[in-house]
Amino acid sequence: EPEPGPPAGQGGDMDSKRDSRASASCGRTAGVEELSLYEVMVGRGEFKGLVPMVLTYLELIETDSATMSSLSGYLDFIVARASGRLHTPARWMRDFVCSHPDYRQDSVVSERIAA
């Protein structure tokens, strides 16, 4: 059996080879393109998207209408979040605090703002 090398990240030959291979291939992988989260969910170009794939699968296994209706609500929610139409709770809170007339852009959330 080969002897184990140095722990990862401590400059061993295996680490430097792995790092150089990763950096050499970065940005030059054929057929790979960057997609937004929304595009991953609903698709773009030839990529069908995860939500349409799920819907196709649910139709393929002949999902009953009650289950399909329930799942459609969840999928709509996921797409709305991915598109930015539906804010996360954190985004809603930031917007609320930043737009409050008592907020002074000093990172202090007074009791009046929090109430």
N, C-alpha and C. Protein backbone atom coordinates (compact mmCIF):
# COMPACT_ATOMS: atom_id res chain seq x y z
N GLU A 1 0.84 -1.19 0.00
CA GLU A 1 0.00 0.00 0.00
C GLU A 1 0.88 1.24 0.00
N PRO A 2 0.48 2.28 -0.75
CA PRO A 2 1.26 3.51 -0.73
C PRO A 2 1.12 4.21 0.61
N GLU A 3 2.18 4.89 0.99
CA GLU A 3 2.16 5.61 2.26
C GLU A 3 1.32 6.87 2.09
N PRO A 4 0.59 7.25 3.14
CA PRO A 4 -0.21 8.47 3.04
C PRO A 4 0.69 9.69 2.94
N GLY A 5 0.26 10.66 2.18
CA GLY A 5 1.03 11.90 2.01
C GLY A 5 0.75 12.87 3.15
N PRO A 6 1.27 14.08 3.03
CA PRO A 6 1.05 15.08 4.08
C PRO A 6 -0.43 15.48 4.10
N PRO A 7 -0.88 16.00 5.22
CA PRO A 7 -2.28 16.44 5.30
C PRO A 7 -2.58 17.46 4.21
N ALA A 8 -3.83 17.45 3.75
CA ALA A 8 -4.24 18.37 2.69
C ALA A 8 -3.92 19.81 3.07
N GLY A 9 -3.46 20.56 2.08
CA GLY A 9 -3.17 21.97 2.29
C GLY A 9 -1.81 22.25 2.90
N GLN A 10 -0.95 21.22 3.04
CA GLN A 10 0.36 21.46 3.64
C GLN A 10 1.48 21.31 2.62
N GLY A 11 1.17 21.57 1.35
CA GLY A 11 2.22 21.68 0.36
C GLY A 11 2.75 20.39 -0.20
N GLY A 12 2.10 19.27 -0.02
CA GLY A 12 2.58 18.02 -0.59
C GLY A 12 2.43 18.01 -2.10
N ASP A 13 3.14 17.09 -2.78
CA ASP A 13 3.07 17.00 -4.24
C ASP A 13 1.65 16.80 -4.73
N MET A 14 0.88 15.95 -4.06
CA MET A 14 -0.48 15.67 -4.50
C MET A 14 -1.33 16.94 -4.48
N ASP A 15 -1.15 17.77 -3.42
CA ASP A 15 -1.92 19.01 -3.33
C ASP A 15 -1.56 19.96 -4.46
N SER A 16 -0.28 20.12 -4.73
CA SER A 16 0.12 21.06 -5.77
C SER A 16 -0.33 20.58 -7.15
N LYS A 17 -0.29 19.28 -7.39
CA LYS A 17 -0.78 18.76 -8.68
C LYS A 17 -2.27 18.96 -8.81
N ARG A 18 -3.00 18.68 -7.74
CA ARG A 18 -4.45 18.83 -7.78
C ARG A 18 -4.81 20.30 -7.99
N ASP A 19 -4.13 21.20 -7.27
CA ASP A 19 -4.41 22.62 -7.40
C ASP A 19 -4.11 23.11 -8.80
N SER A 20 -2.99 22.67 -9.38
CA SER A 20 -2.64 23.17 -10.72
C SER A 20 -3.60 22.62 -11.76
N ARG A 21 -4.05 21.38 -11.59
CA ARG A 21 -5.03 20.84 -12.54
C ARG A 21 -6.34 21.60 -12.44
N ALA A 22 -6.76 21.90 -11.22
CA ALA A 22 -8.02 22.62 -11.04
C ALA A 22 -7.93 24.02 -11.63
N SER A 23 -6.82 24.71 -11.38
CA SER A 23 -6.71 26.06 -11.90
C SER A 23 -6.49 26.07 -13.41
N ALA A 24 -5.85 25.05 -13.95
CA ALA A 24 -5.62 24.99 -15.39
C ALA A 24 -6.92 24.76 -16.15
N SER A 25 -7.85 24.00 -15.55
CA SER A 25 -9.09 23.70 -16.27
C SER A 25 -10.17 24.74 -16.01
N CYS A 26 -9.98 25.58 -15.03
CA CYS A 26 -10.99 26.56 -14.66
C CYS A 26 -11.28 27.51 -15.82
N GLY A 27 -12.53 27.62 -16.19
CA GLY A 27 -12.92 28.53 -17.26
C GLY A 27 -12.72 27.99 -18.65
N ARG A 28 -12.20 26.77 -18.80
CA ARG A 28 -11.96 26.23 -20.14
C ARG A 28 -12.68 24.90 -20.36
N THR A 29 -13.73 24.65 -19.60
CA THR A 29 -14.45 23.40 -19.73
C THR A 29 -15.51 23.55 -20.82
N ALA A 30 -15.40 22.74 -21.86
CA ALA A 30 -16.32 22.82 -22.98
C ALA A 30 -17.73 22.43 -22.54
N GLY A 31 -18.71 23.16 -23.02
CA GLY A 31 -20.09 22.81 -22.75
C GLY A 31 -20.61 23.26 -21.39
N VAL A 32 -19.85 24.02 -20.65
CA VAL A 32 -20.28 24.48 -19.33
C VAL A 32 -20.51 25.98 -19.42
N GLU A 33 -21.64 26.42 -18.89
CA GLU A 33 -21.90 27.85 -18.85
C GLU A 33 -22.49 28.24 -17.51
N GLU A 34 -22.30 29.49 -17.17
CA GLU A 34 -22.80 29.99 -15.90
C GLU A 34 -24.28 30.32 -16.02
N LEU A 35 -25.07 29.88 -15.03
CA LEU A 35 -26.50 30.16 -15.00
C LEU A 35 -26.85 30.80 -13.66
N SER A 36 -27.85 31.65 -13.68
CA SER A 36 -28.37 32.19 -12.42
C SER A 36 -29.19 31.09 -11.75
N LEU A 37 -29.50 31.27 -10.50
CA LEU A 37 -30.33 30.31 -9.79
C LEU A 37 -31.69 30.17 -10.48
N TYR A 38 -32.23 31.29 -10.92
CA TYR A 38 -33.51 31.28 -11.63
C TYR A 38 -33.40 30.43 -12.90
N GLU A 39 -32.33 30.60 -13.66
CA GLU A 39 -32.14 29.83 -14.89
C GLU A 39 -31.96 28.33 -14.60
N VAL A 40 -31.32 28.00 -13.50
CA VAL A 40 -31.19 26.60 -13.10
C VAL A 40 -32.58 26.03 -12.81
N MET A 41 -33.41 26.82 -12.18
CA MET A 41 -34.75 26.35 -11.82
C MET A 41 -35.68 26.22 -13.03
N VAL A 42 -35.70 27.24 -13.91
CA VAL A 42 -36.68 27.23 -15.00
C VAL A 42 -36.09 26.90 -16.37
N GLY A 43 -34.78 26.93 -16.48
CA GLY A 43 -34.13 26.58 -17.74
C GLY A 43 -33.70 27.78 -18.56
N ARG A 44 -32.80 27.49 -19.49
CA ARG A 44 -32.32 28.50 -20.44
C ARG A 44 -31.70 27.77 -21.61
N GLY A 45 -32.05 28.19 -22.81
CA GLY A 45 -31.50 27.55 -24.00
C GLY A 45 -31.87 26.07 -24.04
N GLU A 46 -30.88 25.23 -24.25
CA GLU A 46 -31.13 23.80 -24.33
C GLU A 46 -31.32 23.15 -22.95
N PHE A 47 -30.91 23.83 -21.89
CA PHE A 47 -31.09 23.29 -20.55
C PHE A 47 -32.54 23.48 -20.13
N LYS A 48 -33.20 22.38 -19.85
CA LYS A 48 -34.64 22.40 -19.56
C LYS A 48 -34.98 23.07 -18.23
N GLY A 49 -34.15 22.94 -17.22
CA GLY A 49 -34.44 23.51 -15.91
C GLY A 49 -34.97 22.44 -14.97
N LEU A 50 -34.69 22.61 -13.68
CA LEU A 50 -35.07 21.60 -12.70
C LEU A 50 -36.58 21.51 -12.49
N VAL A 51 -37.27 22.64 -12.44
CA VAL A 51 -38.71 22.61 -12.20
C VAL A 51 -39.44 21.92 -13.36
N PRO A 52 -39.16 22.26 -14.62
CA PRO A 52 -39.81 21.51 -15.70
C PRO A 52 -39.47 20.01 -15.67
N MET A 53 -38.24 19.67 -15.27
CA MET A 53 -37.88 18.25 -15.16
C MET A 53 -38.72 17.55 -14.10
N VAL A 54 -38.89 18.22 -12.96
CA VAL A 54 -39.70 17.65 -11.88
C VAL A 54 -41.14 17.48 -12.36
N LEU A 55 -41.68 18.49 -13.02
CA LEU A 55 -43.06 18.40 -13.52
C LEU A 55 -43.22 17.27 -14.54
N THR A 56 -42.25 17.12 -15.42
CA THR A 56 -42.28 16.03 -16.39
C THR A 56 -42.26 14.69 -15.68
N TYR A 57 -41.41 14.56 -14.67
CA TYR A 57 -41.35 13.30 -13.91
C TYR A 57 -42.67 13.02 -13.21
N LEU A 58 -43.25 14.05 -12.60
CA LEU A 58 -44.52 13.85 -11.90
C LEU A 58 -45.63 13.40 -12.86
N GLU A 59 -45.62 13.94 -14.07
CA GLU A 59 -46.58 13.50 -15.09
C GLU A 59 -46.28 12.07 -15.50
N LEU A 60 -45.02 11.74 -15.66
CA LEU A 60 -44.61 10.40 -16.08
C LEU A 60 -45.08 9.32 -15.09
N ILE A 61 -44.99 9.63 -13.79
CA ILE A 61 -45.42 8.64 -12.79
C ILE A 61 -46.90 8.77 -12.46
N GLU A 62 -47.59 9.59 -13.23
CA GLU A 62 -49.05 9.77 -13.10
C GLU A 62 -49.45 10.18 -11.69
N THR A 63 -48.85 11.27 -11.24
CA THR A 63 -49.15 11.82 -9.93
C THR A 63 -50.59 12.28 -9.87
N ASP A 64 -51.28 11.98 -8.78
CA ASP A 64 -52.69 12.37 -8.65
C ASP A 64 -52.82 13.89 -8.57
N SER A 65 -54.00 14.39 -8.89
CA SER A 65 -54.20 15.84 -9.01
C SER A 65 -54.03 16.57 -7.68
N ALA A 66 -54.41 15.96 -6.57
CA ALA A 66 -54.24 16.62 -5.26
C ALA A 66 -52.76 16.81 -4.94
N THR A 67 -51.96 15.78 -5.17
CA THR A 67 -50.52 15.87 -4.92
C THR A 67 -49.88 16.86 -5.87
N MET A 68 -50.30 16.82 -7.14
CA MET A 68 -49.75 17.75 -8.15
C MET A 68 -50.06 19.19 -7.77
N SER A 69 -51.27 19.43 -7.29
CA SER A 69 -51.67 20.78 -6.88
C SER A 69 -50.82 21.25 -5.71
N SER A 70 -50.61 20.39 -4.73
CA SER A 70 -49.79 20.73 -3.57
C SER A 70 -48.35 21.01 -3.97
N LEU A 71 -47.78 20.14 -4.78
CA LEU A 71 -46.39 20.32 -5.22
C LEU A 71 -46.23 21.55 -6.10
N SER A 72 -47.22 21.85 -6.91
CA SER A 72 -47.15 23.03 -7.77
C SER A 72 -47.01 24.30 -6.95
N GLY A 73 -47.69 24.36 -5.81
CA GLY A 73 -47.55 25.51 -4.93
C GLY A 73 -46.14 25.68 -4.42
N TYR A 74 -45.52 24.57 -4.03
CA TYR A 74 -44.14 24.62 -3.56
C TYR A 74 -43.19 25.01 -4.70
N LEU A 75 -43.40 24.45 -5.88
CA LEU A 75 -42.53 24.77 -7.01
C LEU A 75 -42.68 26.23 -7.41
N ASP A 76 -43.90 26.75 -7.37
CA ASP A 76 -44.12 28.18 -7.66
C ASP A 76 -43.37 29.05 -6.65
N PHE A 77 -43.40 28.64 -5.38
CA PHE A 77 -42.69 29.36 -4.33
C PHE A 77 -41.19 29.37 -4.61
N ILE A 78 -40.63 28.23 -4.98
CA ILE A 78 -39.19 28.13 -5.27
C ILE A 78 -38.82 29.02 -6.44
N VAL A 79 -39.62 29.01 -7.49
CA VAL A 79 -39.35 29.85 -8.67
C VAL A 79 -39.46 31.33 -8.31
N ALA A 80 -40.44 31.69 -7.50
CA ALA A 80 -40.60 33.10 -7.08
C ALA A 80 -39.39 33.56 -6.28
N ARG A 81 -38.89 32.71 -5.39
CA ARG A 81 -37.68 33.06 -4.63
C ARG A 81 -36.48 33.19 -5.56
N ALA A 82 -36.33 32.24 -6.47
CA ALA A 82 -35.18 32.24 -7.39
C ALA A 82 -35.20 33.46 -8.30
N SER A 83 -36.39 33.92 -8.66
CA SER A 83 -36.50 35.07 -9.58
C SER A 83 -36.31 36.40 -8.85
N GLY A 84 -36.45 36.38 -7.54
CA GLY A 84 -36.35 37.62 -6.78
C GLY A 84 -37.70 38.30 -6.58
N ARG A 85 -38.76 37.74 -7.15
CA ARG A 85 -40.10 38.33 -6.96
C ARG A 85 -40.56 38.20 -5.52
N LEU A 86 -40.12 37.15 -4.84
CA LEU A 86 -40.50 36.93 -3.45
C LEU A 86 -39.24 37.02 -2.60
N HIS A 87 -39.20 38.03 -1.75
CA HIS A 87 -38.02 38.25 -0.92
C HIS A 87 -37.91 37.20 0.17
N THR A 88 -36.68 36.93 0.58
CA THR A 88 -36.45 36.08 1.75
C THR A 88 -36.84 36.89 2.99
N PRO A 89 -37.09 36.23 4.11
CA PRO A 89 -37.37 37.00 5.34
C PRO A 89 -36.25 37.98 5.69
N ALA A 90 -35.01 37.58 5.48
CA ALA A 90 -33.88 38.47 5.78
C ALA A 90 -33.91 39.72 4.90
N ARG A 91 -34.20 39.56 3.62
CA ARG A 91 -34.28 40.72 2.70
C ARG A 91 -35.42 41.64 3.10
N TRP A 92 -36.56 41.04 3.48
CA TRP A 92 -37.71 41.84 3.90
C TRP A 92 -37.35 42.67 5.13
N MET A 93 -36.68 42.03 6.11
CA MET A 93 -36.30 42.75 7.34
C MET A 93 -35.31 43.87 7.04
N ARG A 94 -34.31 43.60 6.19
CA ARG A 94 -33.34 44.65 5.84
C ARG A 94 -34.05 45.83 5.18
N ASP A 95 -34.94 45.54 4.25
CA ASP A 95 -35.68 46.61 3.57
C ASP A 95 -36.53 47.40 4.55
N PHE A 96 -37.19 46.69 5.46
CA PHE A 96 -38.04 47.35 6.46
C PHE A 96 -37.21 48.29 7.33
N VAL A 97 -36.11 47.79 7.87
CA VAL A 97 -35.27 48.60 8.76
C VAL A 97 -34.68 49.78 7.99
N CYS A 98 -34.11 49.53 6.82
CA CYS A 98 -33.46 50.60 6.07
C CYS A 98 -34.43 51.69 5.62
N SER A 99 -35.69 51.35 5.42
CA SER A 99 -36.66 52.35 4.97
C SER A 99 -37.43 52.99 6.12
N HIS A 100 -37.18 52.55 7.34
CA HIS A 100 -37.88 53.11 8.50
C HIS A 100 -37.42 54.55 8.73
N PRO A 101 -38.35 55.46 9.00
CA PRO A 101 -37.97 56.88 9.18
C PRO A 101 -37.04 57.12 10.37
N ASP A 102 -37.04 56.24 11.37
CA ASP A 102 -36.16 56.42 12.54
C ASP A 102 -34.78 55.83 12.34
N TYR A 103 -34.57 55.09 11.29
CA TYR A 103 -33.25 54.47 11.07
C TYR A 103 -32.27 55.51 10.55
N ARG A 104 -31.08 55.58 11.15
CA ARG A 104 -30.09 56.62 10.82
C ARG A 104 -28.88 56.08 10.06
N GLN A 105 -28.99 54.92 9.44
CA GLN A 105 -27.88 54.32 8.69
C GLN A 105 -26.64 54.10 9.56
N ASP A 106 -26.88 53.77 10.84
CA ASP A 106 -25.77 53.58 11.80
C ASP A 106 -25.73 52.16 12.34
N SER A 107 -26.46 51.25 11.76
CA SER A 107 -26.53 49.84 12.18
C SER A 107 -27.19 49.63 13.53
N VAL A 108 -27.82 50.65 14.06
CA VAL A 108 -28.52 50.54 15.33
C VAL A 108 -30.02 50.42 15.04
N VAL A 109 -30.59 49.30 15.51
CA VAL A 109 -32.03 49.09 15.36
C VAL A 109 -32.68 49.36 16.71
N SER A 110 -33.28 50.52 16.81
CA SER A 110 -33.88 50.93 18.09
C SER A 110 -35.13 50.11 18.37
N GLU A 111 -35.60 50.19 19.62
CA GLU A 111 -36.83 49.49 19.99
C GLU A 111 -38.01 49.98 19.16
N ARG A 112 -38.02 51.25 18.84
CA ARG A 112 -39.11 51.81 18.04
C ARG A 112 -39.14 51.20 16.64
N ILE A 113 -37.97 50.96 16.04
CA ILE A 113 -37.90 50.33 14.73
C ILE A 113 -38.32 48.87 14.83
N ALA A 114 -37.87 48.19 15.88
CA ALA A 114 -38.14 46.76 16.05
C ALA A 114 -39.58 46.47 16.46
N ALA A 115 -40.28 47.46 16.94
CA ALA A 115 -41.66 47.23 17.44
C ALA A 115 -42.65 47.05 16.32
